Amino acid sequence: MLSFEREGKYTRPDVKERVGLSRDAKGGNWDTGIVEHANEFLIFANVGTEGRTGHNYGNRWERNCLRWYHKAGSHLAWRSVQKLLESGRRVHVFWRTSNKRSFEYAGMAIAVEVVDTSPVEILWSFESYDVTELLVHSPEQVTGEYREGAMRKILVNAYERDRAARQACIAHYGLECAVCDLRFEERYGALGAGFIHVHHVIPLSDLGPDYRLNPITDLRPVCPNCHAMLHRQRPPLTIEALRDIIL
């Protein structure tokens, strides 16, 4: 497995040498913004400035998360994008604010939000949380072909410090959506038994690493559709605000 020092400074040749290649190794994607090596991904991101090719996709920090844009023309159906987002995939992120500077290693990244535009837009978190569920897509999914005017699809990963917090939230509030009151077992029968998403009232990216999660005050059970709508803006809508919209 590849290993780098958090906040360490690296040039591209430094990274090549660190992974076992020659410092002047050529070929592949080593001079682009994303590289797959030894089944791990390395992302090189310019933040607040254009890259060497003159492109500036708008990569930017949002508190402790990095909003990053994939290659021009990329979309969610690309196999390489699907691999990048696979659960357990090791993704290393390096960033810099000038082409004249070395890259800083931000750490191992976890996708918190994915927006299916072209290029694909991903919000990376560098906190260590286990993935408990994935809000996969909107009902208006387009496969194979993308048309102008197609709906933007927001994909949101929900992370928790541990599964016990999720279970404590459900034990307290039940399996009914806190926004629209949907109960999956009532709608889908046995297929929906026990299914619900858990929403963080305060986004994890806004919480410090030492924050002690309270599953009663910090979490709420919500259905996937309401979960997506809560995250349609930043900061997320409140449960109460979304209830007012649909009532």
Protein backbone atom coordinates (compact mmCIF):
# COMPACT_ATOMS: atom_id res chain seq x y z
CA MET A 1 0.00 0.00 0.00
CA LEU A 2 1.16 3.53 -0.78
CA SER A 3 2.04 5.81 2.11
CA PHE A 4 2.66 9.56 2.39
CA GLU A 5 3.05 12.06 5.24
CA ARG A 6 0.00 14.23 5.94
CA GLU A 7 0.77 17.87 4.99
CA GLY A 8 4.08 16.71 3.50
CA LYS A 9 5.33 18.54 0.39
CA TYR A 10 5.90 16.52 -2.79
CA THR A 11 6.75 17.21 -6.41
CA ARG A 12 5.49 14.76 -9.02
CA PRO A 13 8.98 13.21 -9.29
CA ASP A 14 8.97 12.82 -5.48
CA VAL A 15 5.69 10.91 -5.68
CA LYS A 16 6.93 8.71 -8.53
CA GLU A 17 10.03 7.82 -6.51
CA ARG A 18 7.90 7.18 -3.41
CA VAL A 19 5.76 4.62 -5.27
CA GLY A 20 8.80 2.81 -6.65
CA LEU A 21 9.20 4.41 -10.07
CA SER A 22 12.04 6.39 -11.56
CA ARG A 23 11.80 10.11 -10.84
CA ASP A 24 11.76 10.82 -14.58
CA ALA A 25 9.34 8.01 -15.45
CA LYS A 26 7.10 8.89 -18.39
CA GLY A 27 3.94 7.47 -19.84
CA GLY A 28 0.52 6.67 -18.49
CA ASN A 29 -1.31 9.46 -16.65
CA TRP A 30 1.54 10.63 -14.46
CA ASP A 31 1.43 14.15 -15.88
CA THR A 32 -2.35 14.48 -15.55
CA GLY A 33 -4.62 15.24 -12.60
CA ILE A 34 -5.42 11.64 -11.66
CA VAL A 35 -3.31 8.50 -11.70
CA GLU A 36 -4.16 4.88 -10.95
CA HIS A 37 -1.14 3.00 -9.59
CA ALA A 38 -1.02 -0.38 -7.82
CA ASN A 39 -4.83 -0.36 -7.59
CA GLU A 40 -4.81 2.95 -5.71
CA PHE A 41 -5.62 6.43 -7.02
CA LEU A 42 -3.51 9.57 -6.71
CA ILE A 43 -5.17 12.92 -7.41
CA PHE A 44 -3.10 16.05 -8.16
CA ALA A 45 -5.32 19.11 -7.78
CA ASN A 46 -4.67 22.77 -8.44
CA VAL A 47 -6.81 24.86 -6.09
CA GLY A 48 -7.73 28.43 -6.93
CA THR A 49 -5.51 28.48 -10.00
CA GLU A 50 -5.39 26.99 -13.47
CA GLY A 51 -3.30 23.91 -14.22
CA ARG A 52 -0.39 23.66 -16.59
CA THR A 53 -2.81 23.07 -19.49
CA GLY A 54 -4.61 26.34 -18.77
CA HIS A 55 -7.77 24.70 -17.40
CA ASN A 56 -9.29 25.88 -14.13
CA TYR A 57 -12.16 23.65 -13.08
CA GLY A 58 -12.84 25.52 -9.85
CA ASN A 59 -11.35 23.06 -7.36
CA ARG A 60 -11.80 24.61 -3.93
CA TRP A 61 -11.72 23.91 -0.21
CA GLU A 62 -15.03 23.91 1.65
CA ARG A 63 -14.02 23.88 5.31
CA ASN A 64 -12.11 20.60 5.67
CA CYS A 65 -13.38 19.09 2.42
CA LEU A 66 -12.06 19.51 -1.13
CA ARG A 67 -14.51 20.00 -3.99
CA TRP A 68 -12.74 18.54 -7.01
CA TYR A 69 -13.57 18.12 -10.69
CA HIS A 70 -12.57 15.08 -12.74
CA LYS A 71 -11.16 15.22 -16.30
CA ALA A 72 -12.97 17.22 -18.98
CA GLY A 73 -15.73 15.15 -20.52
CA SER A 74 -15.90 12.68 -17.61
CA HIS A 75 -19.25 11.39 -16.43
CA LEU A 76 -20.48 8.97 -13.80
CA ALA A 77 -20.82 6.04 -16.22
CA TRP A 78 -17.06 5.93 -16.85
CA ARG A 79 -15.56 2.75 -15.46
CA SER A 80 -12.60 4.73 -14.08
CA VAL A 81 -14.98 7.01 -12.15
CA GLN A 82 -16.90 4.03 -10.79
CA LYS A 83 -13.62 2.47 -9.62
CA LEU A 84 -12.61 5.74 -7.98
CA LEU A 85 -15.83 5.73 -5.95
CA GLU A 86 -15.80 2.07 -4.94
CA SER A 87 -16.14 1.41 -1.23
CA GLY A 88 -12.75 0.79 0.36
CA ARG A 89 -10.81 2.26 -2.59
CA ARG A 90 -7.62 4.04 -1.47
CA VAL A 91 -7.56 7.58 -2.87
CA HIS A 92 -4.62 9.90 -2.14
CA VAL A 93 -5.05 13.64 -2.72
CA PHE A 94 -2.27 16.15 -3.34
CA TRP A 95 -2.99 19.85 -3.84
CA ARG A 96 -1.27 23.17 -4.51
CA THR A 97 -2.19 26.79 -5.17
CA SER A 98 0.48 27.52 -7.79
CA ASN A 99 2.19 25.58 -10.58
CA LYS A 100 5.50 26.79 -9.15
CA ARG A 101 4.89 25.09 -5.79
CA SER A 102 5.17 21.51 -4.62
CA PHE A 103 1.98 19.62 -3.85
CA GLU A 104 0.82 19.19 -0.26
CA TYR A 105 -0.52 15.78 0.72
CA ALA A 106 -4.06 16.26 2.04
CA GLY A 107 -4.48 12.63 3.03
CA MET A 108 -6.63 9.61 2.21
CA ALA A 109 -9.94 10.80 0.79
CA ILE A 110 -13.55 9.59 1.08
CA ALA A 111 -16.25 10.77 -1.34
CA VAL A 112 -18.89 12.68 0.63
CA GLU A 113 -20.86 14.00 -2.34
CA VAL A 114 -20.87 13.23 -6.05
CA VAL A 115 -22.60 15.42 -8.63
CA ASP A 116 -23.20 13.75 -12.00
CA THR A 117 -22.20 16.59 -14.28
CA SER A 118 -19.47 16.63 -16.89
CA PRO A 119 -16.81 16.80 -15.62
CA VAL A 120 -17.87 14.74 -12.61
CA GLU A 121 -17.80 16.79 -9.39
CA ILE A 122 -16.71 15.11 -6.13
CA LEU A 123 -16.52 16.48 -2.59
CA TRP A 124 -13.68 14.67 -0.77
CA SER A 125 -13.48 14.37 3.01
CA PHE A 126 -10.29 13.48 4.86
CA GLU A 127 -11.91 12.33 8.09
CA SER A 128 -11.93 8.63 9.02
CA TYR A 129 -15.51 7.45 8.98
CA ASP A 130 -17.01 4.14 7.93
CA VAL A 131 -19.50 4.21 5.06
CA THR A 132 -22.86 3.01 6.35
CA GLU A 133 -25.05 3.68 3.32
CA LEU A 134 -25.05 5.35 -0.09
CA LEU A 135 -27.87 7.47 -1.48
CA VAL A 136 -27.44 6.28 -5.02
CA HIS A 137 -29.35 8.40 -7.54
CA SER A 138 -32.37 10.45 -8.42
CA PRO A 139 -35.29 8.81 -10.24
CA GLU A 140 -34.32 10.62 -13.46
CA GLN A 141 -31.18 8.58 -14.15
CA VAL A 142 -29.86 8.69 -17.72
CA THR A 143 -27.61 5.83 -18.82
CA GLY A 144 -25.39 5.54 -21.87
CA GLU A 145 -26.32 8.96 -23.27
CA TYR A 146 -26.37 12.39 -21.69
CA ARG A 147 -28.58 15.15 -23.09
CA GLU A 148 -28.57 18.89 -22.55
CA GLY A 149 -31.13 19.71 -19.92
CA ALA A 150 -30.88 16.33 -18.17
CA MET A 151 -31.46 16.51 -14.42
CA ARG A 152 -28.43 17.00 -12.22
CA LYS A 153 -28.13 13.93 -9.99
CA ILE A 154 -26.77 14.38 -6.47
CA LEU A 155 -25.17 11.33 -4.88
CA VAL A 156 -24.53 11.64 -1.16
CA ASN A 157 -22.57 9.27 1.02
CA ALA A 158 -23.73 9.23 4.64
CA TYR A 159 -20.93 8.67 7.15
CA GLU A 160 -21.11 7.94 10.85
CA ARG A 161 -18.49 7.47 13.55
CA ASP A 162 -19.84 3.96 14.25
CA ARG A 163 -22.88 1.82 13.49
CA ALA A 164 -23.97 2.00 17.11
CA ALA A 165 -24.83 5.68 16.60
CA ARG A 166 -27.10 4.78 13.68
CA GLN A 167 -28.84 2.08 15.68
CA ALA A 168 -29.30 4.40 18.69
CA CYS A 169 -30.88 7.02 16.42
CA ILE A 170 -33.31 4.48 14.95
CA ALA A 171 -34.09 3.03 18.36
CA HIS A 172 -35.10 6.49 19.55
CA TYR A 173 -36.92 7.87 16.48
CA GLY A 174 -38.04 4.70 14.70
CA LEU A 175 -37.91 3.95 10.96
CA GLU A 176 -40.23 6.75 9.83
CA CYS A 177 -38.78 9.59 7.74
CA ALA A 178 -38.50 12.69 9.92
CA VAL A 179 -39.47 14.86 6.93
CA CYS A 180 -42.22 13.12 4.93
CA ASP A 181 -43.28 10.38 7.41
CA LEU A 182 -42.62 7.58 4.88
CA ARG A 183 -42.21 4.08 6.35
CA PHE A 184 -40.65 1.73 3.84
CA GLU A 185 -42.21 -1.42 5.28
CA GLU A 186 -45.67 0.09 4.90
CA ARG A 187 -44.97 1.06 1.29
CA TYR A 188 -42.91 -1.94 0.11
CA GLY A 189 -43.79 -4.68 2.55
CA ALA A 190 -41.07 -7.08 3.71
CA LEU A 191 -38.67 -5.67 1.10
CA GLY A 192 -38.61 -2.32 2.93
CA ALA A 193 -38.38 -3.71 6.46
CA GLY A 194 -35.65 -1.99 8.49
CA PHE A 195 -34.62 0.37 5.67
CA ILE A 196 -33.97 4.07 6.33
CA HIS A 197 -31.16 6.57 5.89
CA VAL A 198 -29.68 8.50 8.81
CA HIS A 199 -29.00 12.21 8.34
CA HIS A 200 -26.47 14.31 10.26
CA VAL A 201 -28.15 17.51 11.44
CA ILE A 202 -24.72 19.20 11.36
CA PRO A 203 -22.53 18.03 8.42
CA LEU A 204 -19.56 15.94 9.49
CA SER A 205 -17.23 18.32 7.67
CA ASP A 206 -18.33 21.03 10.13
CA LEU A 207 -17.51 18.95 13.20
CA GLY A 208 -14.06 18.73 14.74
CA PRO A 209 -12.30 15.36 14.99
CA ASP A 210 -12.89 15.26 18.77
CA TYR A 211 -16.62 15.99 18.58
CA ARG A 212 -18.66 13.44 20.54
CA LEU A 213 -21.65 12.48 18.43
CA ASN A 214 -25.02 12.38 20.19
CA PRO A 215 -27.31 10.09 18.14
CA ILE A 216 -30.44 11.73 19.55
CA THR A 217 -29.61 15.39 18.94
CA ASP A 218 -27.21 15.01 15.98
CA LEU A 219 -28.96 12.36 13.83
CA ARG A 220 -32.41 11.91 12.28
CA PRO A 221 -33.90 9.06 10.20
CA VAL A 222 -34.86 10.23 6.71
CA CYS A 223 -35.86 8.56 3.43
CA PRO A 224 -33.38 8.72 0.49
CA ASN A 225 -35.40 11.35 -1.41
CA CYS A 226 -35.63 13.70 1.55
CA HIS A 227 -31.97 13.03 2.35
CA ALA A 228 -31.04 14.17 -1.16
CA MET A 229 -33.19 17.30 -0.87
CA LEU A 230 -31.67 18.23 2.50
CA HIS A 231 -28.26 18.26 0.79
CA ARG A 232 -29.34 20.20 -2.28
CA GLN A 233 -27.78 23.31 -0.79
CA ARG A 234 -24.92 24.25 1.51
CA PRO A 235 -25.36 24.43 4.41
CA PRO A 236 -28.00 21.69 4.23
CA LEU A 237 -31.64 22.53 4.77
CA THR A 238 -33.02 21.87 8.22
CA ILE A 239 -35.56 19.11 8.76
CA GLU A 240 -38.15 21.77 9.61
CA ALA A 241 -37.44 23.84 6.50
CA LEU A 242 -37.87 20.85 4.20
CA ARG A 243 -41.10 19.83 5.95
CA ASP A 244 -42.44 23.34 5.31
CA ILE A 245 -41.65 22.94 1.60
CA ILE A 246 -43.53 19.67 1.13
CA LEU A 247 -46.50 20.36 3.42
